Amino acid sequence: VKIPKNFVCEHCFGAFRSSYHLKRHILIHTGEKPFECDICDMRFIQKYHLERHKRVHSGEQPYQCERCHQCFSRTDRLLRHKRMC
């Protein structure tokens, strides 16, 4: 069952399934970045991106390759590594 995309962006006419996703998308057009790093002042559209960025400062690397045990701060970097490991 497909969920209708009833929420349409007035800037680019992209369609979304919820008002939340539309509001998040509109930030791309407005340039607003409401989430700010308290260490280096970088700003982000999404809270998740800020949380991921904070690992740069903390050195946290919670994602580990099960083959070679190398650790990564981001899941996308672990997945890229796994293709070559």
PDB file of N, CA and C in Angstrom:
ATOM      1  N   VAL A   1       0.846  -1.179   0.000  1.00  0.00           N
ATOM      2  CA  VAL A   1       0.000   0.000   0.000  1.00  0.00           C
ATOM      3  C   VAL A   1       0.888   1.237   0.000  1.00  0.00           C
ATOM      4  N   LYS A   2       0.685   2.076  -0.986  1.00  0.00           N
ATOM      5  CA  LYS A   2       1.465   3.310  -1.071  1.00  0.00           C
ATOM      6  C   LYS A   2       0.794   4.413  -0.265  1.00  0.00           C
ATOM      7  N   ILE A   3       1.606   5.135   0.482  1.00  0.00           N
ATOM      8  CA  ILE A   3       1.105   6.276   1.248  1.00  0.00           C
ATOM      9  C   ILE A   3       1.160   7.495   0.331  1.00  0.00           C
ATOM     10  N   PRO A   4       0.054   8.233   0.198  1.00  0.00           N
ATOM     11  CA  PRO A   4       0.057   9.389  -0.702  1.00  0.00           C
ATOM     12  C   PRO A   4       0.990  10.491  -0.205  1.00  0.00           C
ATOM     13  N   LYS A   5       1.568  11.191  -1.145  1.00  0.00           N
ATOM     14  CA  LYS A   5       2.462  12.306  -0.834  1.00  0.00           C
ATOM     15  C   LYS A   5       1.679  13.601  -1.013  1.00  0.00           C
ATOM     16  N   ASN A   6       0.971  13.999   0.029  1.00  0.00           N
ATOM     17  CA  ASN A   6       0.060  15.141  -0.038  1.00  0.00           C
ATOM     18  C   ASN A   6       0.689  16.471   0.353  1.00  0.00           C
ATOM     19  N   PHE A   7       1.928  16.466   0.781  1.00  0.00           N
ATOM     20  CA  PHE A   7       2.577  17.690   1.241  1.00  0.00           C
ATOM     21  C   PHE A   7       3.591  18.123   0.187  1.00  0.00           C
ATOM     22  N   VAL A   8       3.301  19.244  -0.485  1.00  0.00           N
ATOM     23  CA  VAL A   8       4.075  19.666  -1.653  1.00  0.00           C
ATOM     24  C   VAL A   8       4.864  20.933  -1.343  1.00  0.00           C
ATOM     25  N   CYS A   9       6.135  20.930  -1.730  1.00  0.00           N
ATOM     26  CA  CYS A   9       7.012  22.092  -1.556  1.00  0.00           C
ATOM     27  C   CYS A   9       6.653  23.152  -2.587  1.00  0.00           C
ATOM     28  N   GLU A  10       6.419  24.370  -2.126  1.00  0.00           N
ATOM     29  CA  GLU A  10       6.067  25.459  -3.042  1.00  0.00           C
ATOM     30  C   GLU A  10       7.272  25.978  -3.821  1.00  0.00           C
ATOM     31  N   HIS A  11       8.473  25.591  -3.418  1.00  0.00           N
ATOM     32  CA  HIS A  11       9.683  26.049  -4.101  1.00  0.00           C
ATOM     33  C   HIS A  11      10.046  25.159  -5.283  1.00  0.00           C
ATOM     34  N   CYS A  12       9.975  23.839  -5.090  1.00  0.00           N
ATOM     35  CA  CYS A  12      10.428  22.913  -6.138  1.00  0.00           C
ATOM     36  C   CYS A  12       9.378  21.863  -6.500  1.00  0.00           C
ATOM     37  N   PHE A  13       8.240  21.907  -5.817  1.00  0.00           N
ATOM     38  CA  PHE A  13       7.124  20.980  -6.059  1.00  0.00           C
ATOM     39  C   PHE A  13       7.446  19.531  -5.697  1.00  0.00           C
ATOM     40  N   GLY A  14       8.474  19.325  -4.884  1.00  0.00           N
ATOM     41  CA  GLY A  14       8.726  17.996  -4.338  1.00  0.00           C
ATOM     42  C   GLY A  14       7.564  17.606  -3.433  1.00  0.00           C
ATOM     43  N   ALA A  15       7.216  16.333  -3.416  1.00  0.00           N
ATOM     44  CA  ALA A  15       6.076  15.866  -2.628  1.00  0.00           C
ATOM     45  C   ALA A  15       6.548  14.956  -1.495  1.00  0.00           C
ATOM     46  N   PHE A  16       5.882  15.092  -0.345  1.00  0.00           N
ATOM     47  CA  PHE A  16       6.276  14.367   0.857  1.00  0.00           C
ATOM     48  C   PHE A  16       5.067  13.752   1.542  1.00  0.00           C
ATOM     49  N   ARG A  17       5.308  12.713   2.318  1.00  0.00           N
ATOM     50  CA  ARG A  17       4.236  11.972   2.991  1.00  0.00           C
ATOM     51  C   ARG A  17       3.747  12.626   4.279  1.00  0.00           C
ATOM     52  N   SER A  18       4.543  13.546   4.831  1.00  0.00           N
ATOM     53  CA  SER A  18       4.141  14.169   6.102  1.00  0.00           C
ATOM     54  C   SER A  18       4.581  15.627   6.136  1.00  0.00           C
ATOM     55  N   SER A  19       3.903  16.392   6.973  1.00  0.00           N
ATOM     56  CA  SER A  19       4.275  17.801   7.121  1.00  0.00           C
ATOM     57  C   SER A  19       5.669  17.923   7.732  1.00  0.00           C
ATOM     58  N   TYR A  20       6.048  16.981   8.588  1.00  0.00           N
ATOM     59  CA  TYR A  20       7.387  16.983   9.185  1.00  0.00           C
ATOM     60  C   TYR A  20       8.454  16.905   8.099  1.00  0.00           C
ATOM     61  N   HIS A  21       8.293  15.973   7.167  1.00  0.00           N
ATOM     62  CA  HIS A  21       9.285  15.818   6.101  1.00  0.00           C
ATOM     63  C   HIS A  21       9.303  17.031   5.179  1.00  0.00           C
ATOM     64  N   LEU A  22       8.151  17.623   4.920  1.00  0.00           N
ATOM     65  CA  LEU A  22       8.105  18.841   4.111  1.00  0.00           C
ATOM     66  C   LEU A  22       8.836  19.975   4.820  1.00  0.00           C
ATOM     67  N   LYS A  23       8.569  20.174   6.106  1.00  0.00           N
ATOM     68  CA  LYS A  23       9.233  21.253   6.856  1.00  0.00           C
ATOM     69  C   LYS A  23      10.744  21.066   6.875  1.00  0.00           C
ATOM     70  N   ARG A  24      11.176  19.843   7.067  1.00  0.00           N
ATOM     71  CA  ARG A  24      12.617  19.554   7.058  1.00  0.00           C
ATOM     72  C   ARG A  24      13.202  19.853   5.681  1.00  0.00           C
ATOM     73  N   HIS A  25      12.485  19.492   4.618  1.00  0.00           N
ATOM     74  CA  HIS A  25      12.943  19.739   3.252  1.00  0.00           C
ATOM     75  C   HIS A  25      13.045  21.232   2.961  1.00  0.00           C
ATOM     76  N   ILE A  26      12.088  22.019   3.407  1.00  0.00           N
ATOM     77  CA  ILE A  26      12.062  23.456   3.110  1.00  0.00           C
ATOM     78  C   ILE A  26      13.318  24.156   3.620  1.00  0.00           C
ATOM     79  N   LEU A  27      13.934  23.622   4.668  1.00  0.00           N
ATOM     80  CA  LEU A  27      15.172  24.215   5.186  1.00  0.00           C
ATOM     81  C   LEU A  27      16.262  24.251   4.120  1.00  0.00           C
ATOM     82  N   ILE A  28      16.219  23.333   3.169  1.00  0.00           N
ATOM     83  CA  ILE A  28      17.187  23.335   2.068  1.00  0.00           C
ATOM     84  C   ILE A  28      17.058  24.626   1.271  1.00  0.00           C
ATOM     85  N   HIS A  29      15.826  25.070   1.050  1.00  0.00           N
ATOM     86  CA  HIS A  29      15.583  26.272   0.257  1.00  0.00           C
ATOM     87  C   HIS A  29      15.835  27.553   1.048  1.00  0.00           C
ATOM     88  N   THR A  30      15.513  27.555   2.330  1.00  0.00           N
ATOM     89  CA  THR A  30      15.662  28.773   3.134  1.00  0.00           C
ATOM     90  C   THR A  30      17.088  28.983   3.616  1.00  0.00           C
ATOM     91  N   GLY A  31      17.868  27.904   3.646  1.00  0.00           N
ATOM     92  CA  GLY A  31      19.237  28.003   4.145  1.00  0.00           C
ATOM     93  C   GLY A  31      19.337  27.967   5.660  1.00  0.00           C
ATOM     94  N   GLU A  32      18.204  27.840   6.330  1.00  0.00           N
ATOM     95  CA  GLU A  32      18.199  27.800   7.790  1.00  0.00           C
ATOM     96  C   GLU A  32      18.846  26.512   8.287  1.00  0.00           C
ATOM     97  N   LYS A  33      19.723  26.666   9.272  1.00  0.00           N
ATOM     98  CA  LYS A  33      20.387  25.519   9.901  1.00  0.00           C
ATOM     99  C   LYS A  33      20.255  25.698  11.408  1.00  0.00           C
ATOM    100  N   PRO A  34      19.186  25.165  11.987  1.00  0.00           N
ATOM    101  CA  PRO A  34      18.882  25.455  13.385  1.00  0.00           C
ATOM    102  C   PRO A  34      19.737  24.732  14.425  1.00  0.00           C
ATOM    103  N   PHE A  35      20.523  23.741  14.016  1.00  0.00           N
ATOM    104  CA  PHE A  35      21.291  22.954  14.988  1.00  0.00           C
ATOM    105  C   PHE A  35      22.768  23.336  14.916  1.00  0.00           C
ATOM    106  N   GLU A  36      23.287  23.923  16.002  1.00  0.00           N
ATOM    107  CA  GLU A  36      24.651  24.460  16.023  1.00  0.00           C
ATOM    108  C   GLU A  36      25.543  23.675  16.977  1.00  0.00           C
ATOM    109  N   CYS A  37      26.757  23.384  16.512  1.00  0.00           N
ATOM    110  CA  CYS A  37      27.760  22.727  17.348  1.00  0.00           C
ATOM    111  C   CYS A  37      28.277  23.739  18.367  1.00  0.00           C
ATOM    112  N   ASP A  38      28.287  23.359  19.626  1.00  0.00           N
ATOM    113  CA  ASP A  38      28.747  24.272  20.671  1.00  0.00           C
ATOM    114  C   ASP A  38      30.264  24.322  20.792  1.00  0.00           C
ATOM    115  N   ILE A  39      30.959  23.530  19.984  1.00  0.00           N
ATOM    116  CA  ILE A  39      32.421  23.530  20.025  1.00  0.00           C
ATOM    117  C   ILE A  39      33.011  24.348  18.882  1.00  0.00           C
ATOM    118  N   CYS A  40      32.516  24.136  17.660  1.00  0.00           N
ATOM    119  CA  CYS A  40      33.119  24.818  16.507  1.00  0.00           C
ATOM    120  C   CYS A  40      32.141  25.707  15.744  1.00  0.00           C
ATOM    121  N   ASP A  41      30.919  25.804  16.185  1.00  0.00           N
ATOM    122  CA  ASP A  41      29.900  26.669  15.580  1.00  0.00           C
ATOM    123  C   ASP A  41      29.424  26.237  14.195  1.00  0.00           C
ATOM    124  N   MET A  42      29.758  25.032  13.759  1.00  0.00           N
ATOM    125  CA  MET A  42      29.162  24.538  12.516  1.00  0.00           C
ATOM    126  C   MET A  42      27.673  24.362  12.751  1.00  0.00           C
ATOM    127  N   ARG A  43      26.888  24.545  11.688  1.00  0.00           N
ATOM    128  CA  ARG A  43      25.434  24.457  11.798  1.00  0.00           C
ATOM    129  C   ARG A  43      24.910  23.388  10.851  1.00  0.00           C
ATOM    130  N   PHE A  44      23.760  22.804  11.229  1.00  0.00           N
ATOM    131  CA  PHE A  44      23.191  21.693  10.475  1.00  0.00           C
ATOM    132  C   PHE A  44      21.679  21.828  10.361  1.00  0.00           C
ATOM    133  N   ILE A  45      21.140  21.280   9.283  1.00  0.00           N
ATOM    134  CA  ILE A  45      19.699  21.279   9.061  1.00  0.00           C
ATOM    135  C   ILE A  45      19.015  20.280   9.986  1.00  0.00           C
ATOM    136  N   GLN A  46      19.641  19.134  10.197  1.00  0.00           N
ATOM    137  CA  GLN A  46      19.024  18.076  10.994  1.00  0.00           C
ATOM    138  C   GLN A  46      19.823  17.813  12.271  1.00  0.00           C
ATOM    139  N   LYS A  47      19.105  17.498  13.329  1.00  0.00           N
ATOM    140  CA  LYS A  47      19.744  17.188  14.610  1.00  0.00           C
ATOM    141  C   LYS A  47      20.665  15.978  14.480  1.00  0.00           C
ATOM    142  N   TYR A  48      20.238  14.992  13.703  1.00  0.00           N
ATOM    143  CA  TYR A  48      21.057  13.795  13.498  1.00  0.00           C
ATOM    144  C   TYR A  48      22.431  14.162  12.941  1.00  0.00           C
ATOM    145  N   HIS A  49      22.479  15.108  12.000  1.00  0.00           N
ATOM    146  CA  HIS A  49      23.756  15.510  11.410  1.00  0.00           C
ATOM    147  C   HIS A  49      24.650  16.190  12.445  1.00  0.00           C
ATOM    148  N   LEU A  50      24.054  16.964  13.341  1.00  0.00           N
ATOM    149  CA  LEU A  50      24.828  17.566  14.432  1.00  0.00           C
ATOM    150  C   LEU A  50      25.395  16.486  15.343  1.00  0.00           C
ATOM    151  N   GLU A  51      24.564  15.524  15.730  1.00  0.00           N
ATOM    152  CA  GLU A  51      25.035  14.449  16.613  1.00  0.00           C
ATOM    153  C   GLU A  51      26.165  13.658  15.956  1.00  0.00           C
ATOM    154  N   ARG A  52      26.035  13.396  14.674  1.00  0.00           N
ATOM    155  CA  ARG A  52      27.083  12.680  13.935  1.00  0.00           C
ATOM    156  C   ARG A  52      28.360  13.515  13.900  1.00  0.00           C
ATOM    157  N   HIS A  53      28.223  14.825  13.673  1.00  0.00           N
ATOM    158  CA  HIS A  53      29.370  15.734  13.627  1.00  0.00           C
ATOM    159  C   HIS A  53      30.111  15.784  14.964  1.00  0.00           C
ATOM    160  N   LYS A  54      29.399  15.726  16.067  1.00  0.00           N
ATOM    161  CA  LYS A  54      30.031  15.825  17.391  1.00  0.00           C
ATOM    162  C   LYS A  54      31.071  14.737  17.612  1.00  0.00           C
ATOM    163  N   ARG A  55      30.960  13.639  16.891  1.00  0.00           N
ATOM    164  CA  ARG A  55      31.953  12.566  17.013  1.00  0.00           C
ATOM    165  C   ARG A  55      33.326  13.006  16.511  1.00  0.00           C
ATOM    166  N   VAL A  56      33.372  14.024  15.658  1.00  0.00           N
ATOM    167  CA  VAL A  56      34.654  14.580  15.207  1.00  0.00           C
ATOM    168  C   VAL A  56      35.421  15.098  16.419  1.00  0.00           C
ATOM    169  N   HIS A  57      34.719  15.753  17.316  1.00  0.00           N
ATOM    170  CA  HIS A  57      35.353  16.339  18.491  1.00  0.00           C
ATOM    171  C   HIS A  57      35.613  15.310  19.592  1.00  0.00           C
ATOM    172  N   SER A  58      34.702  14.367  19.749  1.00  0.00           N
ATOM    173  CA  SER A  58      34.830  13.399  20.849  1.00  0.00           C
ATOM    174  C   SER A  58      35.754  12.233  20.508  1.00  0.00           C
ATOM    175  N   GLY A  59      35.932  11.980  19.206  1.00  0.00           N
ATOM    176  CA  GLY A  59      36.731  10.837  18.789  1.00  0.00           C
ATOM    177  C   GLY A  59      35.986   9.512  18.865  1.00  0.00           C
ATOM    178  N   GLU A  60      34.710   9.569  19.205  1.00  0.00           N
ATOM    179  CA  GLU A  60      33.903   8.351  19.321  1.00  0.00           C
ATOM    180  C   GLU A  60      33.799   7.650  17.972  1.00  0.00           C
ATOM    181  N   GLN A  61      34.004   6.347  17.975  1.00  0.00           N
ATOM    182  CA  GLN A  61      33.900   5.527  16.767  1.00  0.00           C
ATOM    183  C   GLN A  61      33.104   4.263  17.109  1.00  0.00           C
ATOM    184  N   PRO A  62      31.780   4.382  17.144  1.00  0.00           N
ATOM    185  CA  PRO A  62      30.959   3.273  17.641  1.00  0.00           C
ATOM    186  C   PRO A  62      30.690   2.141  16.651  1.00  0.00           C
ATOM    187  N   TYR A  63      31.101   2.297  15.402  1.00  0.00           N
ATOM    188  CA  TYR A  63      30.794   1.289  14.384  1.00  0.00           C
ATOM    189  C   TYR A  63      32.056   0.518  14.024  1.00  0.00           C
ATOM    190  N   GLN A  64      32.017  -0.807  14.185  1.00  0.00           N
ATOM    191  CA  GLN A  64      33.212  -1.629  14.005  1.00  0.00           C
ATOM    192  C   GLN A  64      32.999  -2.685  12.931  1.00  0.00           C
ATOM    193  N   CYS A  65      34.023  -2.862  12.099  1.00  0.00           N
ATOM    194  CA  CYS A  65      34.028  -3.918  11.091  1.00  0.00           C
ATOM    195  C   CYS A  65      34.221  -5.254  11.801  1.00  0.00           C
ATOM    196  N   GLU A  66      33.340  -6.201  11.524  1.00  0.00           N
ATOM    197  CA  GLU A  66      33.450  -7.506  12.191  1.00  0.00           C
ATOM    198  C   GLU A  66      34.582  -8.356  11.626  1.00  0.00           C
ATOM    199  N   ARG A  67      35.088  -8.004  10.453  1.00  0.00           N
ATOM    200  CA  ARG A  67      36.196  -8.771   9.864  1.00  0.00           C
ATOM    201  C   ARG A  67      37.550  -8.346  10.410  1.00  0.00           C
ATOM    202  N   CYS A  68      37.827  -7.047  10.353  1.00  0.00           N
ATOM    203  CA  CYS A  68      39.168  -6.580  10.734  1.00  0.00           C
ATOM    204  C   CYS A  68      39.173  -5.749  12.021  1.00  0.00           C
ATOM    205  N   HIS A  69      38.002  -5.456  12.562  1.00  0.00           N
ATOM    206  CA  HIS A  69      37.840  -4.735  13.827  1.00  0.00           C
ATOM    207  C   HIS A  69      38.211  -3.257  13.751  1.00  0.00           C
ATOM    208  N   GLN A  70      38.376  -2.713  12.544  1.00  0.00           N
ATOM    209  CA  GLN A  70      38.605  -1.278  12.408  1.00  0.00           C
ATOM    210  C   GLN A  70      37.321  -0.544  12.787  1.00  0.00           C
ATOM    211  N   CYS A  71      37.459   0.607  13.454  1.00  0.00           N
ATOM    212  CA  CYS A  71      36.300   1.356  13.938  1.00  0.00           C
ATOM    213  C   CYS A  71      36.084   2.634  13.135  1.00  0.00           C
ATOM    214  N   PHE A  72      34.829   3.069  13.094  1.00  0.00           N
ATOM    215  CA  PHE A  72      34.438   4.237  12.310  1.00  0.00           C
ATOM    216  C   PHE A  72      33.444   5.079  13.097  1.00  0.00           C
ATOM    217  N   SER A  73      33.423   6.358  12.789  1.00  0.00           N
ATOM    218  CA  SER A  73      32.505   7.267  13.474  1.00  0.00           C
ATOM    219  C   SER A  73      31.144   7.330  12.786  1.00  0.00           C
ATOM    220  N   ARG A  74      31.079   6.858  11.535  1.00  0.00           N
ATOM    221  CA  ARG A  74      29.833   6.945  10.765  1.00  0.00           C
ATOM    222  C   ARG A  74      29.520   5.613  10.094  1.00  0.00           C
ATOM    223  N   THR A  75      28.234   5.301  10.008  1.00  0.00           N
ATOM    224  CA  THR A  75      27.826   4.042   9.385  1.00  0.00           C
ATOM    225  C   THR A  75      28.159   4.013   7.902  1.00  0.00           C
ATOM    226  N   ASP A  76      28.040   5.152   7.219  1.00  0.00           N
ATOM    227  CA  ASP A  76      28.336   5.161   5.784  1.00  0.00           C
ATOM    228  C   ASP A  76      29.810   4.851   5.522  1.00  0.00           C
ATOM    229  N   ARG A  77      30.685   5.289   6.414  1.00  0.00           N
ATOM    230  CA  ARG A  77      32.115   4.993   6.243  1.00  0.00           C
ATOM    231  C   ARG A  77      32.409   3.525   6.525  1.00  0.00           C
ATOM    232  N   LEU A  78      31.710   2.948   7.489  1.00  0.00           N
ATOM    233  CA  LEU A  78      31.850   1.514   7.751  1.00  0.00           C
ATOM    234  C   LEU A  78      31.369   0.708   6.544  1.00  0.00           C
ATOM    235  N   LEU A  79      30.239   1.075   5.978  1.00  0.00           N
ATOM    236  CA  LEU A  79      29.708   0.343   4.819  1.00  0.00           C
ATOM    237  C   LEU A  79      30.648   0.431   3.622  1.00  0.00           C
ATOM    238  N   ARG A  80      31.228   1.610   3.401  1.00  0.00           N
ATOM    239  CA  ARG A  80      32.198   1.775   2.306  1.00  0.00           C
ATOM    240  C   ARG A  80      33.414   0.889   2.548  1.00  0.00           C
ATOM    241  N   HIS A  81      33.890   0.866   3.780  1.00  0.00           N
ATOM    242  CA  HIS A  81      35.031   0.034   4.155  1.00  0.00           C
ATOM    243  C   HIS A  81      34.722  -1.445   3.921  1.00  0.00           C
ATOM    244  N   LYS A  82      33.543  -1.888   4.310  1.00  0.00           N
ATOM    245  CA  LYS A  82      33.171  -3.301   4.194  1.00  0.00           C
ATOM    246  C   LYS A  82      33.205  -3.789   2.746  1.00  0.00           C
ATOM    247  N   ARG A  83      32.931  -2.908   1.807  1.00  0.00           N
ATOM    248  CA  ARG A  83      32.968  -3.308   0.390  1.00  0.00           C
ATOM    249  C   ARG A  83      34.380  -3.662  -0.061  1.00  0.00           C
ATOM    250  N   MET A  84      35.389  -3.129   0.630  1.00  0.00           N
ATOM    251  CA  MET A  84      36.777  -3.372   0.242  1.00  0.00           C
ATOM    252  C   MET A  84      37.510  -4.308   1.194  1.00  0.00           C
ATOM    253  N   CYS A  85      36.945  -4.570   2.357  1.00  0.00           N
ATOM    254  CA  CYS A  85      37.634  -5.369   3.378  1.00  0.00           C
ATOM    255  C   CYS A  85      37.528  -6.859   3.069  1.00  0.00           C
TER     256      CYS A  85
END
